[in-house]
Protein backbone atom coordinates (compact mmCIF):
# COMPACT_ATOMS: atom_id res chain seq x y z
CA MET A 1 82.51 104.46 68.93
CA GLU A 2 80.43 107.35 68.86
CA ASN A 3 79.96 109.77 65.83
CA LEU A 4 82.48 112.08 65.33
CA LYS A 5 81.71 116.11 66.19
CA ILE A 6 83.83 119.01 65.68
CA ILE A 7 82.98 121.89 68.22
CA GLY A 8 85.17 124.98 66.59
CA VAL A 9 88.43 126.09 68.14
CA GLN A 10 90.01 125.42 70.67
CA ASN A 11 92.66 127.82 73.15
CA VAL A 12 94.37 126.10 75.12
CA ALA A 13 97.44 127.30 76.68
CA GLY A 14 98.27 129.53 74.20
CA HIS A 15 97.38 127.26 71.97
CA SER A 16 94.95 126.98 69.03
CA PHE A 17 93.79 123.54 67.13
CA THR A 18 90.00 121.94 66.05
CA GLY A 19 88.55 120.90 69.19
CA ILE A 20 86.89 117.54 68.76
CA GLU A 21 84.32 115.10 70.29
CA GLY A 22 82.97 111.07 70.58
CA GLY A 23 84.55 108.74 68.65
CA PHE A 24 86.12 108.09 72.20
CA GLY A 25 82.54 107.85 73.46
CA GLU A 26 79.55 110.66 74.60
CA ASN A 27 81.12 114.07 75.31
CA LYS A 28 84.58 112.43 75.32
CA ARG A 29 87.43 114.84 73.62
CA ALA A 30 90.12 113.79 70.69
CA MET A 31 92.85 115.55 69.20
CA LEU A 32 94.54 115.63 66.01
CA ALA A 33 97.95 113.80 66.47
CA LYS A 34 98.65 116.48 63.40
CA GLU A 35 97.89 119.17 66.04
CA ILE A 36 99.54 117.70 68.47
CA ALA A 37 102.52 117.74 66.89
CA GLU A 38 102.29 121.53 66.06
CA ILE A 39 101.54 122.33 69.64
CA HIS A 40 104.70 120.43 70.75
CA ASN A 41 106.79 121.46 67.60
CA GLN A 42 107.53 118.13 66.28
CA PRO A 43 107.29 117.37 62.70
CA LEU A 44 103.39 115.39 61.99
CA ALA A 45 105.75 112.36 60.63
CA GLU A 46 108.25 112.21 63.37
CA ILE A 47 104.33 111.74 66.01
CA ASN A 48 103.18 109.06 63.41
CA ARG A 49 106.44 107.12 63.67
CA ARG A 50 106.02 106.63 67.54
CA ILE A 51 102.68 106.07 67.40
CA ASN A 52 103.25 103.23 64.82
CA ASN A 53 106.59 102.24 66.97
CA ASN A 54 104.74 101.94 69.59
CA LYS A 55 101.67 99.88 67.94
CA ASN A 56 101.12 97.20 71.72
CA ARG A 57 100.43 100.20 73.77
CA PHE A 58 97.90 102.26 72.41
CA LYS A 59 94.17 100.37 72.46
CA ASN A 60 92.14 100.97 69.05
CA GLY A 61 88.76 103.31 70.52
CA VAL A 62 90.23 103.92 73.78
CA ASP A 63 93.77 105.97 73.44
CA ILE A 64 93.83 106.11 69.52
CA ILE A 65 91.31 105.94 66.01
CA ASP A 66 93.13 106.15 62.68
CA LEU A 67 90.36 107.93 60.96
CA LEU A 68 92.26 106.92 57.35
CA ASN A 69 91.94 103.54 57.73
CA GLY A 70 88.99 102.97 59.94
CA SER A 71 84.77 103.59 59.53
CA GLU A 72 84.11 105.00 56.35
CA PRO A 73 82.27 108.19 57.86
CA PHE A 74 85.62 108.89 59.54
CA ARG A 75 87.05 108.55 56.13
CA ASN A 76 84.78 111.02 55.36
CA ILE A 77 85.52 113.45 58.75
CA ALA A 78 88.65 113.68 57.53
CA HIS A 79 88.02 114.26 53.94
CA GLN A 80 85.75 116.87 54.32
CA ASN A 81 87.70 118.50 57.35
CA GLY A 82 90.66 118.46 55.02
CA TRP A 83 93.17 116.86 57.43
CA ILE A 84 94.22 114.01 54.37
CA GLY A 85 97.76 116.21 53.07
CA SER A 86 97.87 113.80 49.23
CA ASN A 87 97.27 111.09 48.90
CA ARG A 88 100.44 110.05 49.86
CA THR A 89 98.64 110.50 53.48
CA GLN A 90 98.94 106.76 55.57
CA ASN A 91 97.08 108.06 59.13
CA VAL A 92 95.38 110.45 60.26
CA TYR A 93 94.91 109.57 63.66
CA ILE A 94 92.98 111.36 67.00
CA LEU A 95 94.29 110.78 70.17
CA SER A 96 91.76 109.91 74.04
CA GLU A 97 93.22 111.94 76.76
CA ARG A 98 94.80 108.66 77.60
CA GLY A 99 95.82 108.49 74.64
CA TYR A 100 97.51 111.81 74.93
CA SER A 101 99.04 110.70 78.00
CA LYS A 102 100.83 107.35 76.59
CA LEU A 103 102.27 109.49 73.74
CA LEU A 104 104.00 111.89 76.08
CA LYS A 105 105.93 108.71 78.66
CA ILE A 106 107.01 108.33 74.17
CA LEU A 107 107.42 111.49 73.68
CA GLU A 108 109.94 111.91 76.23
CA ASP A 109 110.05 115.98 75.46
CA ASP A 110 109.63 118.65 78.57
CA LYS A 111 107.77 120.47 77.19
CA ALA A 112 105.14 117.81 76.46
CA TRP A 113 104.64 117.52 80.46
CA ASP A 114 104.54 121.46 80.95
CA LEU A 115 101.43 121.07 78.86
CA TYR A 116 100.02 118.26 80.00
CA GLU A 117 98.47 119.46 82.89
CA GLU A 118 97.22 122.58 80.96
CA LEU A 119 95.54 120.45 78.44
CA VAL A 120 93.66 117.77 80.10
CA ASP A 121 92.28 120.69 82.15
CA GLY A 122 91.17 123.17 79.51
CA TYR A 123 90.37 120.66 77.05
CA PHE A 124 89.57 117.07 77.62
CA ASN A 125 87.86 117.20 81.07
CA MET A 126 86.23 120.53 79.98
CA ARG A 127 82.64 120.61 80.32
CA GLN A 128 80.89 121.19 76.88
CA ALA A 129 79.16 124.68 77.20
CA LEU A 130 78.91 126.19 74.02
CA ASP A 131 75.30 124.27 73.06
CA TYR A 132 73.77 126.96 75.90
CA SER A 133 74.74 129.72 73.65
CA ASN A 134 71.73 128.33 71.24
CA LEU A 135 69.38 128.16 73.40
CA SER A 136 66.90 131.16 73.28
CA PRO A 137 67.31 133.74 76.24
CA GLU A 138 64.26 132.20 78.02
CA LEU A 139 65.83 128.41 77.54
CA GLN A 140 69.13 130.26 78.79
CA MET A 141 67.21 131.63 81.65
CA PHE A 142 65.70 128.39 82.35
CA GLN A 143 69.00 126.66 82.63
CA SER A 144 70.61 129.43 84.31
CA LEU A 145 68.23 128.75 87.25
CA PHE A 146 68.27 124.71 87.05
CA GLN A 147 73.02 125.13 87.62
CA THR A 148 71.60 127.53 90.36
CA VAL A 149 68.90 124.80 91.87
CA ALA A 150 71.55 122.08 91.18
CA SER A 151 74.69 123.64 92.56
CA GLN A 152 72.30 124.63 96.10
CA GLU A 153 71.53 121.15 96.41
CA LEU A 154 74.24 119.65 95.92
CA LYS A 155 76.03 121.86 99.27
CA ASN A 156 72.79 121.06 101.08
CA LYS A 157 73.06 117.11 100.23
CA GLU A 158 77.10 118.24 101.36
CA LEU A 159 75.59 120.05 104.33
CA GLU A 160 73.10 117.33 105.78
CA ASN A 161 76.15 114.32 105.16
CA ARG A 162 78.53 116.55 107.83
CA LEU A 163 75.37 117.23 109.44
CA ILE A 164 74.59 113.12 110.01
CA GLN A 165 78.54 112.44 109.97
CA GLN A 166 78.88 114.64 113.82
CA GLU A 167 75.73 112.79 115.03
CA GLN A 168 77.10 109.69 114.59
CA GLU A 169 80.41 111.07 115.47
CA ASN A 170 78.47 112.78 118.77
CA LYS A 171 76.51 109.28 119.36
CA GLN A 172 79.87 107.09 119.45
CA THR A 173 81.29 109.86 121.89
CA LYS A 174 78.26 109.71 123.99
CA SER A 175 78.18 105.80 123.68
CA GLU A 176 81.65 105.66 124.03
CA VAL A 177 81.48 107.54 127.88
CA LYS A 178 78.92 105.00 129.17
CA ASP A 179 79.91 102.60 128.59
CA ILE A 180 82.79 103.94 130.70
CA ARG A 181 81.00 104.96 133.40
CA GLU A 182 78.99 102.22 133.01
CA VAL A 183 82.27 99.00 133.59
CA VAL A 184 84.37 101.11 136.14
CA ALA A 185 81.87 100.51 139.07
CA LEU A 186 84.81 100.22 141.64
CA SER A 187 82.97 98.41 144.25
CA SER A 188 84.58 99.28 148.12
CA ARG A 189 85.30 95.67 148.52
CA ASP A 190 88.21 95.67 145.61
CA TRP A 191 88.67 99.35 145.68
CA ARG A 192 91.99 99.65 146.14
CA LYS A 193 93.47 97.18 143.68
CA ASP A 194 91.58 98.63 141.18
CA THR A 195 91.95 102.06 141.31
CA THR A 196 95.89 100.83 141.21
CA SER A 197 95.04 99.06 138.07
CA ILE A 198 92.89 102.45 136.49
CA ILE A 199 96.17 104.65 137.97
CA ASN A 200 98.14 102.09 136.30
CA LYS A 201 96.67 102.04 132.95
CA ILE A 202 96.97 106.02 133.28
CA ALA A 203 99.88 106.08 133.75
CA VAL A 204 100.88 103.84 130.33
CA LYS A 205 98.71 106.10 128.73
CA GLN A 206 100.52 109.13 130.24
CA GLY A 207 104.02 107.52 128.86
CA GLY A 208 105.05 104.17 130.85
CA TYR A 209 105.15 102.30 134.81
CA ASP A 210 107.44 106.12 136.17
CA ARG A 211 104.46 108.38 135.82
CA PHE A 212 102.32 106.22 137.96
CA ARG A 213 103.05 108.01 141.18
CA GLU A 214 102.17 111.41 139.42
CA VAL A 215 99.48 109.61 138.90
CA ARG A 216 99.18 109.16 141.85
CA SER A 217 99.41 112.21 143.30
CA GLU A 218 96.92 113.97 141.04
CA SER A 219 94.35 111.22 142.19
CA TYR A 220 95.41 112.55 145.93
CA GLU A 221 94.92 116.78 144.95
CA LEU A 222 92.17 116.64 143.44
CA LEU A 223 90.77 114.48 146.39
CA GLU A 224 91.78 116.80 148.99
CA LYS A 225 89.99 119.30 146.60
CA ARG A 226 86.91 118.20 146.33
CA ALA A 227 87.05 116.85 150.58
CA GLY A 228 88.74 119.99 151.67
CA ALA A 229 91.59 117.31 154.10
CA ASN A 230 94.82 117.46 154.00
CA LEU A 231 95.92 113.67 153.36
CA GLN A 232 99.44 114.42 154.63
CA ILE A 233 98.63 115.65 158.52
CA ARG A 234 95.77 112.23 158.36
CA LEU A 235 99.04 110.63 157.74
CA MET A 236 100.93 111.71 160.59
CA ASN A 237 98.61 111.71 163.04
CA LYS A 238 97.51 107.79 162.54
CA ARG A 239 100.97 107.04 162.11
CA LYS A 240 101.83 108.67 165.69
CA LYS A 241 98.64 107.00 167.52
CA MET A 242 99.49 103.99 166.31
CA ALA A 243 103.41 105.38 168.07
CA PHE A 244 101.79 105.55 171.32
CA GLU A 245 99.67 102.48 171.19
CA GLY A 246 103.06 100.19 170.55
CA VAL A 247 102.56 99.70 167.21
CA ALA A 248 105.93 98.16 165.66
CA LYS A 249 107.52 100.63 163.53
CA SER A 250 107.85 99.00 160.37
CA ARG A 251 103.87 98.46 160.37
CA ILE A 252 103.62 101.99 161.20
CA ASP A 253 106.24 102.63 157.72
CA LYS A 254 103.66 100.99 156.15
CA VAL A 255 100.78 103.07 156.65
CA SER A 256 100.02 105.31 153.93
CA LYS A 257 97.33 107.66 152.35
CA LEU A 258 95.45 105.10 151.21
CA ASP A 259 95.05 103.58 154.84
CA VAL A 260 94.03 107.01 155.90
CA ILE A 261 91.06 107.43 152.66
CA ASP A 262 89.84 103.38 153.83
CA GLU A 263 89.44 104.53 157.16
CA ASP A 264 86.93 107.90 156.73
CA LYS A 265 83.69 106.34 154.64
CA ARG A 266 83.37 110.21 153.36
CA LEU A 267 86.27 109.80 152.00
CA LEU A 268 86.47 106.50 150.29
CA GLU A 269 83.29 107.96 148.01
CA ILE A 270 84.69 111.02 147.16
CA TYR A 271 88.03 109.15 146.13
CA LEU A 272 86.67 106.17 144.47
CA ALA A 273 84.19 109.13 142.25
CA ILE A 274 87.18 110.79 141.78
CA VAL A 275 89.60 107.71 139.86
CA LYS A 276 86.29 107.15 137.84
CA GLU A 277 86.29 111.20 136.65
CA MET A 278 90.19 110.18 135.94
CA ALA A 279 89.80 106.73 133.77
CA ILE A 280 86.88 108.93 131.84
CA ARG A 281 88.98 111.70 131.09
CA TYR A 282 92.25 109.70 129.92
CA SER A 283 90.22 107.11 128.56
CA VAL A 284 91.48 104.02 129.59
CA ASP A 285 90.32 100.12 129.14
CA VAL A 286 88.82 98.92 132.10
CA SER A 287 86.84 96.70 130.65
CA GLU A 288 87.99 93.44 132.94
CA LEU A 289 87.40 95.77 136.22
CA LYS A 290 83.63 94.84 135.16
CA GLU A 291 84.03 91.74 134.72
CA ALA A 292 85.89 91.07 138.11
CA ASN A 293 82.87 93.49 139.67
């Protein structure tokens, strides 16, 4: 247990009470049960009764300290500050923030919960600043400078951490793109199977296999735009040529735009590049293609 220190009258949430530090640890704030009773419009006897009836819920030295029945220095502080009303006084309790929150649960007092945040933020967690007023003007200036430098250092550290995180994210993104580019090594040998697999994966990522035709059409449109070619006209010309050569209608009906692409080396190279770009853009998993190739 740390020595108690009276830090003066505190004004929080419109209430005045004695500020106490120590007992529960260095610079830890405490409150008198007597003054908690006044803040919550409760008789001290009722607060003490609630505490005594729930003694098993309060940890001595952590949640609560009985100054009257504690060490001699604690008893002396209680006497010196007039916290012992009479010879009939049995307890002089002080509570930590944790002890105060436990008492609230026991009281089930609406006003208690309304005041809780104000007391915790305005008193229990308030940094000790009173000592600074006793410093000389020179030391106060250095204290102000120190706080300014410390604040700036903290901001610089936060900025540095954000930059490091951003750099790591950028490296990860670049690595992922590089990995995809390495994986999507489409060969002219199995290009139909591989491009169909990639387009299937893109379709699934876009909502399901029923999006396959839409994604395939997108790849054709990109090819036509980049190559300056009209696949539909080329397909019609190919079918007319096959019919003129006497090829069976069943075979002609099976001819597709992929067959048109397969006949033109330039179109094929452009199409493979387009499908690779789509795989990267849609971030599809194509690791099995690398293994297969």
